[in-house]
């Protein structure tokens, strides 16, 4: 897409150049966005979920934590979907973002075991459609996965998800909840912040 957009403006670049730019600068942009948005997330309710991703015929699991407003807090890739992986993921997000009042999950037994171990079992909420917020947050990732024709390695997937989630958070404005003027103001602020980061 970037190659085609550049061609319209008379800029001739190869798609490999764009991929090199993403590898070189994507992580820096994601870190800057993370710094600017520090403290903007909510610790009222978190939604945790995992989705499987195939890499070279092997199954890996992408764990994702989302706050009640749909902001992606953390992504973590693991080979297994057991208690050890769940514990590592939960400790990672709690160190970075603190402890929430309510943690919504699916009925995976690994969560229950880890919550008991960490002393937050009374905060778990599961069942029904309570975890749809996290299920829906996987959709942008799945669209990119199809466009990229899957991933080649575990490290590539981890790097991509950490960059993609931060940039998606920055530009994801729920226009159906805002009137036109408010949406335009939020979008303009996001674009000006993006240009500052890129500079």
N, C-alpha and C. Protein backbone atom coordinates (compact mmCIF):
# COMPACT_ATOMS: atom_id res chain seq x y z
N UNK A 1 0.82 -1.20 0.00
CA UNK A 1 0.00 0.00 0.00
C UNK A 1 0.86 1.26 0.00
N UNK A 2 1.91 1.27 0.82
CA UNK A 2 2.79 2.45 0.91
C UNK A 2 3.48 2.67 -0.42
N UNK A 3 3.88 1.58 -1.07
CA UNK A 3 4.54 1.67 -2.39
C UNK A 3 3.60 2.33 -3.40
N UNK A 4 2.32 1.95 -3.39
CA UNK A 4 1.34 2.52 -4.33
C UNK A 4 1.05 3.98 -4.01
N UNK A 5 0.94 4.29 -2.70
CA UNK A 5 0.70 5.68 -2.30
C UNK A 5 1.87 6.58 -2.71
N UNK A 6 3.09 6.06 -2.55
CA UNK A 6 4.28 6.81 -2.97
C UNK A 6 4.30 7.03 -4.47
N UNK A 7 3.89 6.01 -5.24
CA UNK A 7 3.88 6.10 -6.70
C UNK A 7 2.92 7.20 -7.17
N UNK A 8 1.79 7.37 -6.47
CA UNK A 8 0.83 8.43 -6.81
C UNK A 8 1.45 9.82 -6.65
N UNK A 9 2.35 9.94 -5.67
CA UNK A 9 3.01 11.24 -5.41
C UNK A 9 4.29 11.40 -6.22
N UNK A 10 4.60 10.42 -7.07
CA UNK A 10 5.80 10.49 -7.90
C UNK A 10 7.05 9.99 -7.18
N UNK A 11 6.87 9.25 -6.06
CA UNK A 11 8.01 8.70 -5.30
C UNK A 11 8.12 7.22 -5.63
N UNK A 12 9.23 6.83 -6.18
CA UNK A 12 9.42 5.43 -6.60
C UNK A 12 10.23 4.69 -5.53
N UNK A 13 9.55 3.83 -4.75
CA UNK A 13 10.24 3.03 -3.73
C UNK A 13 9.83 1.57 -3.86
N UNK A 14 10.71 0.70 -3.44
CA UNK A 14 10.47 -0.75 -3.46
C UNK A 14 9.78 -1.17 -2.17
N UNK A 15 8.96 -2.22 -2.23
CA UNK A 15 8.29 -2.70 -1.01
C UNK A 15 9.30 -3.20 0.03
N UNK A 16 10.46 -3.66 -0.44
CA UNK A 16 11.51 -4.10 0.48
C UNK A 16 12.06 -2.93 1.30
N UNK A 17 12.10 -1.76 0.69
CA UNK A 17 12.54 -0.55 1.40
C UNK A 17 11.58 -0.22 2.52
N UNK A 18 10.28 -0.33 2.23
CA UNK A 18 9.25 -0.06 3.24
C UNK A 18 9.39 -1.05 4.39
N UNK A 19 9.62 -2.32 4.05
CA UNK A 19 9.77 -3.34 5.09
C UNK A 19 11.01 -3.06 5.95
N UNK A 20 12.08 -2.59 5.32
CA UNK A 20 13.29 -2.22 6.05
C UNK A 20 13.01 -1.07 7.00
N UNK A 21 12.25 -0.06 6.54
CA UNK A 21 11.89 1.08 7.40
C UNK A 21 11.09 0.62 8.62
N UNK A 22 10.15 -0.29 8.39
CA UNK A 22 9.33 -0.79 9.51
C UNK A 22 10.21 -1.50 10.53
N UNK A 23 11.13 -2.35 10.04
CA UNK A 23 12.04 -3.05 10.95
C UNK A 23 12.96 -2.11 11.70
N UNK A 24 13.38 -1.05 11.01
CA UNK A 24 14.34 -0.11 11.61
C UNK A 24 13.68 0.87 12.57
N UNK A 25 12.53 1.43 12.17
CA UNK A 25 11.93 2.52 12.92
C UNK A 25 10.64 2.17 13.66
N UNK A 26 10.00 1.05 13.30
CA UNK A 26 8.71 0.69 13.91
C UNK A 26 8.77 0.59 15.42
N UNK A 27 9.80 -0.08 15.93
CA UNK A 27 9.96 -0.25 17.38
C UNK A 27 10.13 1.08 18.09
N UNK A 28 10.88 2.01 17.48
CA UNK A 28 11.09 3.34 18.07
C UNK A 28 9.78 4.12 18.13
N UNK A 29 9.00 4.06 17.04
CA UNK A 29 7.71 4.75 17.01
C UNK A 29 6.79 4.20 18.10
N UNK A 30 6.75 2.86 18.21
CA UNK A 30 5.88 2.22 19.22
C UNK A 30 6.27 2.64 20.64
N UNK A 31 7.59 2.72 20.92
CA UNK A 31 8.05 3.15 22.25
C UNK A 31 7.66 4.58 22.55
N UNK A 32 7.78 5.46 21.54
CA UNK A 32 7.42 6.86 21.74
C UNK A 32 5.92 7.01 22.01
N UNK A 33 5.11 6.26 21.26
CA UNK A 33 3.66 6.29 21.47
C UNK A 33 3.33 5.80 22.87
N UNK A 34 4.01 4.72 23.28
CA UNK A 34 3.80 4.14 24.62
C UNK A 34 4.12 5.17 25.71
N UNK A 35 5.22 5.92 25.52
CA UNK A 35 5.60 6.95 26.50
C UNK A 35 4.55 8.04 26.58
N UNK A 36 4.07 8.49 25.41
CA UNK A 36 3.08 9.57 25.37
C UNK A 36 1.75 9.15 25.98
N UNK A 37 1.40 7.86 25.84
CA UNK A 37 0.11 7.38 26.33
C UNK A 37 0.21 6.76 27.72
N UNK A 38 1.36 6.86 28.37
CA UNK A 38 1.54 6.27 29.71
C UNK A 38 0.53 6.87 30.68
N UNK A 39 -0.17 5.99 31.38
CA UNK A 39 -1.16 6.44 32.36
C UNK A 39 -2.53 6.71 31.77
N UNK A 40 -2.68 6.57 30.43
CA UNK A 40 -3.97 6.83 29.80
C UNK A 40 -4.92 5.63 29.86
N UNK A 41 -4.38 4.45 30.13
CA UNK A 41 -5.22 3.25 30.18
C UNK A 41 -5.96 3.18 31.51
N UNK A 42 -6.92 2.29 31.58
CA UNK A 42 -7.74 2.14 32.79
C UNK A 42 -7.44 0.83 33.50
N UNK A 43 -7.39 0.89 34.84
CA UNK A 43 -7.21 -0.33 35.63
C UNK A 43 -8.53 -0.81 36.24
N UNK A 44 -9.63 -0.31 35.72
CA UNK A 44 -10.93 -0.74 36.25
C UNK A 44 -11.22 -2.19 35.85
N UNK A 45 -11.13 -2.49 34.56
CA UNK A 45 -11.40 -3.85 34.08
C UNK A 45 -10.49 -4.20 32.92
N UNK A 46 -9.86 -5.37 33.01
CA UNK A 46 -9.03 -5.87 31.93
C UNK A 46 -9.70 -7.09 31.32
N UNK A 47 -9.45 -7.30 30.05
CA UNK A 47 -9.94 -8.48 29.33
C UNK A 47 -8.72 -9.23 28.80
N UNK A 48 -8.59 -10.51 29.15
CA UNK A 48 -7.46 -11.33 28.70
C UNK A 48 -7.97 -12.44 27.79
N UNK A 49 -7.23 -12.69 26.73
CA UNK A 49 -7.62 -13.77 25.81
C UNK A 49 -6.39 -14.22 25.03
N UNK A 50 -6.48 -15.38 24.46
CA UNK A 50 -5.38 -15.92 23.65
C UNK A 50 -5.96 -16.46 22.34
N UNK A 51 -5.17 -16.36 21.29
CA UNK A 51 -5.60 -16.84 19.98
C UNK A 51 -4.42 -17.60 19.37
N UNK A 52 -4.71 -18.67 18.63
CA UNK A 52 -3.59 -19.44 18.07
C UNK A 52 -3.17 -18.85 16.73
N UNK A 53 -1.87 -18.93 16.46
CA UNK A 53 -1.29 -18.44 15.21
C UNK A 53 -0.37 -19.53 14.69
N UNK A 54 -0.50 -19.89 13.43
CA UNK A 54 0.38 -20.92 12.86
C UNK A 54 1.59 -20.29 12.20
N UNK A 55 2.78 -20.77 12.58
CA UNK A 55 4.03 -20.31 11.98
C UNK A 55 4.77 -21.54 11.47
N UNK A 56 4.92 -21.64 10.15
CA UNK A 56 5.57 -22.79 9.51
C UNK A 56 4.96 -24.13 9.98
N UNK A 57 3.65 -24.17 10.07
CA UNK A 57 2.95 -25.40 10.47
C UNK A 57 2.91 -25.66 11.95
N UNK A 58 3.61 -24.86 12.76
CA UNK A 58 3.61 -25.02 14.22
C UNK A 58 2.61 -24.07 14.84
N UNK A 59 1.95 -24.51 15.90
CA UNK A 59 0.95 -23.68 16.56
C UNK A 59 1.58 -22.88 17.69
N UNK A 60 1.40 -21.56 17.67
CA UNK A 60 1.81 -20.68 18.75
C UNK A 60 0.58 -19.96 19.29
N UNK A 61 0.70 -19.38 20.47
CA UNK A 61 -0.42 -18.67 21.07
C UNK A 61 -0.07 -17.21 21.29
N UNK A 62 -0.96 -16.34 20.85
CA UNK A 62 -0.80 -14.90 21.05
C UNK A 62 -1.75 -14.48 22.17
N UNK A 63 -1.19 -14.11 23.31
CA UNK A 63 -1.96 -13.65 24.47
C UNK A 63 -2.13 -12.14 24.35
N UNK A 64 -3.31 -11.65 24.71
CA UNK A 64 -3.56 -10.23 24.58
C UNK A 64 -4.35 -9.72 25.79
N UNK A 65 -3.96 -8.55 26.30
CA UNK A 65 -4.68 -7.89 27.39
C UNK A 65 -5.21 -6.56 26.88
N UNK A 66 -6.50 -6.31 27.14
CA UNK A 66 -7.18 -5.11 26.67
C UNK A 66 -7.92 -4.49 27.85
N UNK A 67 -7.92 -3.15 27.95
CA UNK A 67 -8.70 -2.53 29.03
C UNK A 67 -10.16 -2.38 28.59
N UNK A 68 -11.01 -1.83 29.46
CA UNK A 68 -12.45 -1.82 29.17
C UNK A 68 -12.82 -0.86 28.03
N UNK A 69 -11.88 -0.01 27.61
CA UNK A 69 -12.14 0.90 26.49
C UNK A 69 -11.61 0.36 25.16
N UNK A 70 -11.04 -0.85 25.19
CA UNK A 70 -10.52 -1.46 23.96
C UNK A 70 -9.07 -1.15 23.68
N UNK A 71 -8.38 -0.48 24.61
CA UNK A 71 -6.96 -0.14 24.46
C UNK A 71 -6.12 -1.40 24.69
N UNK A 72 -5.28 -1.78 23.73
CA UNK A 72 -4.44 -2.97 23.88
C UNK A 72 -3.30 -2.64 24.83
N UNK A 73 -3.22 -3.37 25.95
CA UNK A 73 -2.19 -3.11 26.96
C UNK A 73 -0.90 -3.88 26.67
N UNK A 74 -1.03 -5.14 26.30
CA UNK A 74 0.16 -5.99 26.12
C UNK A 74 -0.16 -7.16 25.22
N UNK A 75 0.86 -7.59 24.45
CA UNK A 75 0.76 -8.80 23.62
C UNK A 75 1.96 -9.68 23.95
N UNK A 76 1.73 -10.99 24.00
CA UNK A 76 2.81 -11.92 24.34
C UNK A 76 2.63 -13.20 23.56
N UNK A 77 3.70 -13.70 22.95
CA UNK A 77 3.64 -14.93 22.14
C UNK A 77 4.30 -16.06 22.91
N UNK A 78 3.62 -17.22 22.98
CA UNK A 78 4.19 -18.39 23.67
C UNK A 78 3.93 -19.65 22.85
N UNK A 79 4.70 -20.68 23.14
CA UNK A 79 4.55 -21.96 22.44
C UNK A 79 3.40 -22.77 23.02
N UNK A 80 3.16 -22.59 24.34
CA UNK A 80 2.13 -23.37 25.01
C UNK A 80 1.06 -22.47 25.61
N UNK A 81 -0.06 -23.09 25.97
CA UNK A 81 -1.18 -22.35 26.57
C UNK A 81 -1.43 -22.90 27.98
N UNK A 82 -0.35 -23.03 28.75
CA UNK A 82 -0.46 -23.65 30.08
C UNK A 82 -0.33 -22.61 31.19
N UNK A 83 -0.26 -23.09 32.43
CA UNK A 83 -0.21 -22.21 33.61
C UNK A 83 1.04 -21.34 33.60
N UNK A 84 2.17 -21.93 33.17
CA UNK A 84 3.44 -21.19 33.18
C UNK A 84 3.37 -19.99 32.22
N UNK A 85 2.84 -20.20 31.01
CA UNK A 85 2.72 -19.11 30.03
C UNK A 85 1.75 -18.04 30.52
N UNK A 86 0.63 -18.48 31.12
CA UNK A 86 -0.36 -17.52 31.64
C UNK A 86 0.24 -16.68 32.77
N UNK A 87 1.03 -17.33 33.63
CA UNK A 87 1.66 -16.61 34.76
C UNK A 87 2.67 -15.58 34.24
N UNK A 88 3.49 -15.97 33.28
CA UNK A 88 4.50 -15.07 32.72
C UNK A 88 3.82 -13.84 32.10
N UNK A 89 2.73 -14.09 31.37
CA UNK A 89 2.00 -13.00 30.72
C UNK A 89 1.38 -12.07 31.75
N UNK A 90 0.73 -12.63 32.76
CA UNK A 90 0.05 -11.81 33.78
C UNK A 90 1.03 -10.99 34.60
N UNK A 91 2.15 -11.59 34.98
CA UNK A 91 3.17 -10.85 35.75
C UNK A 91 3.74 -9.72 34.90
N UNK A 92 3.93 -9.98 33.61
CA UNK A 92 4.47 -8.96 32.70
C UNK A 92 3.55 -7.73 32.63
N UNK A 93 2.24 -7.95 32.48
CA UNK A 93 1.35 -6.79 32.36
C UNK A 93 1.12 -6.11 33.71
N UNK A 94 1.13 -6.88 34.81
CA UNK A 94 0.93 -6.26 36.12
C UNK A 94 2.14 -5.40 36.53
N UNK A 95 3.33 -5.84 36.16
CA UNK A 95 4.53 -5.03 36.44
C UNK A 95 4.47 -3.71 35.67
N UNK A 96 3.96 -3.77 34.46
CA UNK A 96 3.96 -2.59 33.60
C UNK A 96 2.79 -1.65 33.87
N UNK A 97 1.59 -2.22 34.17
CA UNK A 97 0.38 -1.41 34.25
C UNK A 97 -0.32 -1.43 35.61
N UNK A 98 0.22 -2.15 36.59
CA UNK A 98 -0.45 -2.21 37.90
C UNK A 98 -1.45 -3.36 37.96
N UNK A 99 -2.35 -3.29 38.95
CA UNK A 99 -3.31 -4.37 39.16
C UNK A 99 -4.74 -3.86 38.94
N UNK A 100 -5.55 -4.58 38.15
CA UNK A 100 -6.92 -4.13 37.87
C UNK A 100 -7.90 -4.56 38.97
N UNK A 101 -9.10 -3.97 38.95
CA UNK A 101 -10.15 -4.35 39.91
C UNK A 101 -10.87 -5.61 39.46
N UNK A 102 -11.06 -5.75 38.14
CA UNK A 102 -11.76 -6.92 37.58
C UNK A 102 -10.93 -7.44 36.39
N UNK A 103 -10.77 -8.78 36.33
CA UNK A 103 -10.05 -9.40 35.20
C UNK A 103 -11.02 -10.36 34.52
N UNK A 104 -11.40 -10.03 33.29
CA UNK A 104 -12.34 -10.86 32.53
C UNK A 104 -11.56 -11.81 31.63
N UNK A 105 -11.89 -13.10 31.71
CA UNK A 105 -11.20 -14.12 30.91
C UNK A 105 -12.22 -15.10 30.34
N UNK A 106 -11.73 -16.02 29.51
CA UNK A 106 -12.57 -17.15 29.12
C UNK A 106 -12.40 -18.23 30.20
N UNK A 107 -12.88 -19.44 29.94
CA UNK A 107 -12.88 -20.48 30.98
C UNK A 107 -11.63 -21.36 30.96
N UNK A 108 -10.53 -20.85 30.45
CA UNK A 108 -9.27 -21.60 30.43
C UNK A 108 -8.81 -21.86 31.87
N UNK A 109 -8.59 -23.13 32.27
CA UNK A 109 -8.21 -23.43 33.66
C UNK A 109 -6.87 -22.81 34.10
N UNK A 110 -5.98 -22.53 33.13
CA UNK A 110 -4.68 -21.93 33.46
C UNK A 110 -4.85 -20.59 34.18
N UNK A 111 -5.84 -19.80 33.75
CA UNK A 111 -6.07 -18.50 34.39
C UNK A 111 -6.42 -18.67 35.86
N UNK A 112 -7.35 -19.60 36.13
CA UNK A 112 -7.82 -19.80 37.50
C UNK A 112 -6.66 -20.20 38.41
N UNK A 113 -5.78 -21.09 37.93
CA UNK A 113 -4.63 -21.55 38.71
C UNK A 113 -3.67 -20.40 39.02
N UNK A 114 -3.41 -19.56 38.01
CA UNK A 114 -2.48 -18.43 38.19
C UNK A 114 -3.08 -17.38 39.11
N UNK A 115 -4.37 -17.09 38.96
CA UNK A 115 -5.02 -16.09 39.82
C UNK A 115 -5.00 -16.52 41.28
N UNK A 116 -5.19 -17.84 41.51
CA UNK A 116 -5.12 -18.35 42.90
C UNK A 116 -3.71 -18.16 43.46
N UNK A 117 -2.72 -18.44 42.62
CA UNK A 117 -1.32 -18.34 43.02
C UNK A 117 -0.93 -16.88 43.34
N UNK A 118 -1.47 -15.94 42.55
CA UNK A 118 -1.12 -14.53 42.74
C UNK A 118 -2.06 -13.80 43.72
N UNK A 119 -3.08 -14.51 44.19
CA UNK A 119 -3.99 -13.93 45.19
C UNK A 119 -5.02 -12.97 44.62
N UNK A 120 -5.37 -13.12 43.34
CA UNK A 120 -6.38 -12.25 42.73
C UNK A 120 -7.56 -13.07 42.18
N UNK A 121 -7.79 -14.25 42.74
CA UNK A 121 -8.84 -15.14 42.24
C UNK A 121 -10.22 -14.52 42.37
N UNK A 122 -10.42 -13.67 43.40
CA UNK A 122 -11.73 -13.06 43.62
C UNK A 122 -12.06 -11.99 42.57
N UNK A 123 -11.08 -11.58 41.78
CA UNK A 123 -11.30 -10.53 40.77
C UNK A 123 -11.66 -11.10 39.40
N UNK A 124 -11.59 -12.42 39.24
CA UNK A 124 -11.84 -13.03 37.93
C UNK A 124 -13.33 -13.04 37.60
N UNK A 125 -13.63 -12.71 36.36
CA UNK A 125 -14.99 -12.75 35.85
C UNK A 125 -14.95 -13.50 34.53
N UNK A 126 -15.78 -14.53 34.37
CA UNK A 126 -15.78 -15.27 33.10
C UNK A 126 -17.16 -15.83 32.81
N UNK A 127 -17.35 -16.19 31.56
CA UNK A 127 -18.62 -16.78 31.15
C UNK A 127 -19.42 -15.87 30.25
N UNK A 128 -20.30 -16.47 29.45
CA UNK A 128 -21.16 -15.70 28.55
C UNK A 128 -20.36 -14.96 27.50
N UNK A 129 -20.79 -13.73 27.25
CA UNK A 129 -20.10 -12.90 26.25
C UNK A 129 -19.31 -11.78 26.90
N UNK A 130 -18.90 -11.98 28.14
CA UNK A 130 -18.21 -10.92 28.87
C UNK A 130 -16.85 -10.57 28.28
N UNK A 131 -16.26 -11.49 27.53
CA UNK A 131 -14.91 -11.25 27.00
C UNK A 131 -14.89 -10.85 25.53
N UNK A 132 -16.04 -10.37 25.02
CA UNK A 132 -16.10 -9.98 23.60
C UNK A 132 -15.16 -8.83 23.25
N UNK A 133 -14.87 -7.97 24.23
CA UNK A 133 -13.98 -6.83 23.99
C UNK A 133 -12.61 -7.32 23.51
N UNK A 134 -12.08 -8.37 24.16
CA UNK A 134 -10.77 -8.90 23.77
C UNK A 134 -10.87 -9.72 22.48
N UNK A 135 -11.96 -10.46 22.33
CA UNK A 135 -12.16 -11.24 21.10
C UNK A 135 -12.15 -10.31 19.88
N UNK A 136 -12.80 -9.16 20.01
CA UNK A 136 -12.86 -8.21 18.89
C UNK A 136 -11.51 -7.55 18.64
N UNK A 137 -10.67 -7.44 19.67
CA UNK A 137 -9.36 -6.80 19.48
C UNK A 137 -8.42 -7.67 18.64
N UNK A 138 -8.75 -8.96 18.47
CA UNK A 138 -7.94 -9.83 17.62
C UNK A 138 -8.20 -9.57 16.12
N UNK A 139 -9.33 -8.94 15.79
CA UNK A 139 -9.73 -8.80 14.38
C UNK A 139 -8.74 -7.99 13.55
N UNK A 140 -8.27 -6.80 14.01
CA UNK A 140 -7.27 -6.07 13.20
C UNK A 140 -6.00 -6.88 12.97
N UNK A 141 -5.60 -7.66 14.00
CA UNK A 141 -4.41 -8.50 13.85
C UNK A 141 -4.64 -9.57 12.79
N UNK A 142 -5.81 -10.20 12.79
CA UNK A 142 -6.11 -11.24 11.80
C UNK A 142 -6.13 -10.67 10.38
N UNK A 143 -6.64 -9.43 10.23
CA UNK A 143 -6.64 -8.80 8.90
C UNK A 143 -5.21 -8.59 8.40
N UNK A 144 -4.32 -8.12 9.29
CA UNK A 144 -2.93 -7.90 8.90
C UNK A 144 -2.23 -9.23 8.62
N UNK A 145 -2.57 -10.26 9.40
CA UNK A 145 -1.97 -11.60 9.20
C UNK A 145 -2.29 -12.12 7.81
N UNK A 146 -3.54 -11.95 7.37
CA UNK A 146 -3.93 -12.40 6.03
C UNK A 146 -3.20 -11.59 4.95
N UNK A 147 -3.11 -10.27 5.17
CA UNK A 147 -2.44 -9.41 4.19
C UNK A 147 -0.95 -9.74 4.07
N UNK A 148 -0.33 -10.13 5.19
CA UNK A 148 1.10 -10.44 5.19
C UNK A 148 1.40 -11.89 4.83
N UNK A 149 0.32 -12.67 4.58
CA UNK A 149 0.45 -14.09 4.25
C UNK A 149 1.21 -14.85 5.35
N UNK A 150 0.77 -14.63 6.56
CA UNK A 150 1.29 -15.29 7.78
C UNK A 150 2.69 -14.82 8.16
N UNK A 151 3.20 -15.40 9.24
CA UNK A 151 4.49 -14.99 9.79
C UNK A 151 5.51 -16.10 9.60
N UNK A 152 6.79 -15.71 9.61
CA UNK A 152 7.86 -16.67 9.34
C UNK A 152 8.50 -17.21 10.62
N UNK A 153 8.45 -16.44 11.72
CA UNK A 153 9.08 -16.90 12.95
C UNK A 153 8.39 -16.32 14.18
N UNK A 154 8.67 -16.94 15.32
CA UNK A 154 8.14 -16.52 16.62
C UNK A 154 8.55 -15.08 16.93
N UNK A 155 9.83 -14.73 16.69
CA UNK A 155 10.35 -13.40 16.98
C UNK A 155 9.69 -12.33 16.11
N UNK A 156 9.45 -12.67 14.84
CA UNK A 156 8.78 -11.73 13.93
C UNK A 156 7.37 -11.42 14.41
N UNK A 157 6.66 -12.46 14.84
CA UNK A 157 5.29 -12.28 15.34
C UNK A 157 5.28 -11.39 16.58
N UNK A 158 6.18 -11.65 17.53
CA UNK A 158 6.25 -10.85 18.76
C UNK A 158 6.57 -9.38 18.44
N UNK A 159 7.53 -9.18 17.55
CA UNK A 159 7.91 -7.81 17.18
C UNK A 159 6.76 -7.09 16.48
N UNK A 160 6.10 -7.79 15.54
CA UNK A 160 5.00 -7.18 14.80
C UNK A 160 3.84 -6.80 15.73
N UNK A 161 3.44 -7.71 16.62
CA UNK A 161 2.29 -7.44 17.48
C UNK A 161 2.55 -6.29 18.44
N UNK A 162 3.79 -6.19 18.97
CA UNK A 162 4.09 -5.11 19.90
C UNK A 162 4.05 -3.75 19.19
N UNK A 163 4.52 -3.71 17.93
CA UNK A 163 4.49 -2.45 17.16
C UNK A 163 3.06 -2.14 16.71
N UNK A 164 2.39 -3.15 16.13
CA UNK A 164 1.06 -2.96 15.57
C UNK A 164 0.05 -2.51 16.63
N UNK A 165 0.10 -3.11 17.83
CA UNK A 165 -0.89 -2.79 18.86
C UNK A 165 -0.76 -1.34 19.32
N UNK A 166 0.48 -0.84 19.48
CA UNK A 166 0.68 0.54 19.93
C UNK A 166 0.23 1.55 18.87
N UNK A 167 0.57 1.29 17.61
CA UNK A 167 0.17 2.21 16.54
C UNK A 167 -1.34 2.14 16.32
N UNK A 168 -1.92 0.95 16.45
CA UNK A 168 -3.37 0.80 16.32
C UNK A 168 -4.08 1.58 17.44
N UNK A 169 -3.55 1.48 18.67
CA UNK A 169 -4.13 2.25 19.79
C UNK A 169 -4.14 3.74 19.48
N UNK A 170 -3.04 4.21 18.90
CA UNK A 170 -2.88 5.65 18.64
C UNK A 170 -3.92 6.18 17.65
N UNK A 171 -4.23 5.36 16.63
CA UNK A 171 -5.14 5.83 15.58
C UNK A 171 -6.55 5.27 15.69
N UNK A 172 -6.82 4.41 16.66
CA UNK A 172 -8.14 3.79 16.77
C UNK A 172 -9.09 4.72 17.53
N UNK A 173 -9.92 5.43 16.79
CA UNK A 173 -10.91 6.32 17.40
C UNK A 173 -12.29 5.77 17.07
N UNK A 174 -13.08 5.57 18.09
CA UNK A 174 -14.39 4.95 17.88
C UNK A 174 -15.37 6.01 17.38
N UNK A 175 -15.38 6.18 16.06
CA UNK A 175 -16.14 7.29 15.47
C UNK A 175 -17.64 7.15 15.70
N UNK A 176 -18.13 5.93 15.91
CA UNK A 176 -19.57 5.75 16.15
C UNK A 176 -20.00 6.29 17.52
N UNK A 177 -19.04 6.56 18.42
CA UNK A 177 -19.37 7.09 19.75
C UNK A 177 -19.21 8.61 19.82
N UNK A 178 -18.66 9.22 18.76
CA UNK A 178 -18.37 10.65 18.78
C UNK A 178 -19.15 11.37 17.67
N UNK A 179 -19.41 12.65 17.89
CA UNK A 179 -19.98 13.43 16.78
C UNK A 179 -18.85 13.80 15.82
N UNK A 180 -19.19 14.33 14.66
CA UNK A 180 -18.21 14.56 13.60
C UNK A 180 -17.10 15.54 14.02
N UNK A 181 -17.47 16.63 14.71
CA UNK A 181 -16.49 17.65 15.10
C UNK A 181 -15.47 17.08 16.09
N UNK A 182 -15.97 16.34 17.08
CA UNK A 182 -15.08 15.74 18.09
C UNK A 182 -14.14 14.73 17.45
N UNK A 183 -14.70 13.90 16.54
CA UNK A 183 -13.88 12.89 15.86
C UNK A 183 -12.76 13.55 15.05
N UNK A 184 -13.08 14.65 14.33
CA UNK A 184 -12.07 15.35 13.52
C UNK A 184 -10.99 15.96 14.41
N UNK A 185 -11.38 16.50 15.56
CA UNK A 185 -10.40 17.09 16.49
C UNK A 185 -9.46 16.03 17.04
N UNK A 186 -10.02 14.85 17.41
CA UNK A 186 -9.20 13.75 17.96
C UNK A 186 -8.25 13.22 16.89
N UNK A 187 -8.76 13.09 15.66
CA UNK A 187 -7.94 12.58 14.56
C UNK A 187 -6.79 13.55 14.23
N UNK A 188 -7.10 14.84 14.24
CA UNK A 188 -6.07 15.86 13.97
C UNK A 188 -4.98 15.83 15.04
N UNK A 189 -5.40 15.68 16.31
CA UNK A 189 -4.43 15.61 17.42
C UNK A 189 -3.55 14.37 17.28
N UNK A 190 -4.15 13.23 16.88
CA UNK A 190 -3.39 11.99 16.70
C UNK A 190 -2.38 12.14 15.57
N UNK A 191 -2.78 12.77 14.47
CA UNK A 191 -1.88 12.96 13.33
C UNK A 191 -0.73 13.91 13.67
N UNK A 192 -1.02 14.99 14.40
CA UNK A 192 0.06 15.93 14.76
C UNK A 192 1.05 15.26 15.72
N UNK A 193 0.54 14.43 16.66
CA UNK A 193 1.42 13.68 17.57
C UNK A 193 2.27 12.69 16.77
N UNK A 194 1.68 12.05 15.76
CA UNK A 194 2.40 11.10 14.91
C UNK A 194 3.53 11.80 14.14
N UNK A 195 3.26 12.99 13.60
CA UNK A 195 4.29 13.71 12.86
C UNK A 195 5.44 14.15 13.77
N UNK A 196 5.11 14.48 15.03
CA UNK A 196 6.16 14.82 16.02
C UNK A 196 7.05 13.62 16.30
N UNK A 197 6.41 12.44 16.45
CA UNK A 197 7.15 11.20 16.71
C UNK A 197 8.07 10.88 15.53
N UNK A 198 7.52 11.00 14.31
CA UNK A 198 8.30 10.69 13.10
C UNK A 198 9.45 11.66 12.89
N UNK A 199 9.28 12.92 13.34
CA UNK A 199 10.35 13.91 13.18
C UNK A 199 11.53 13.57 14.07
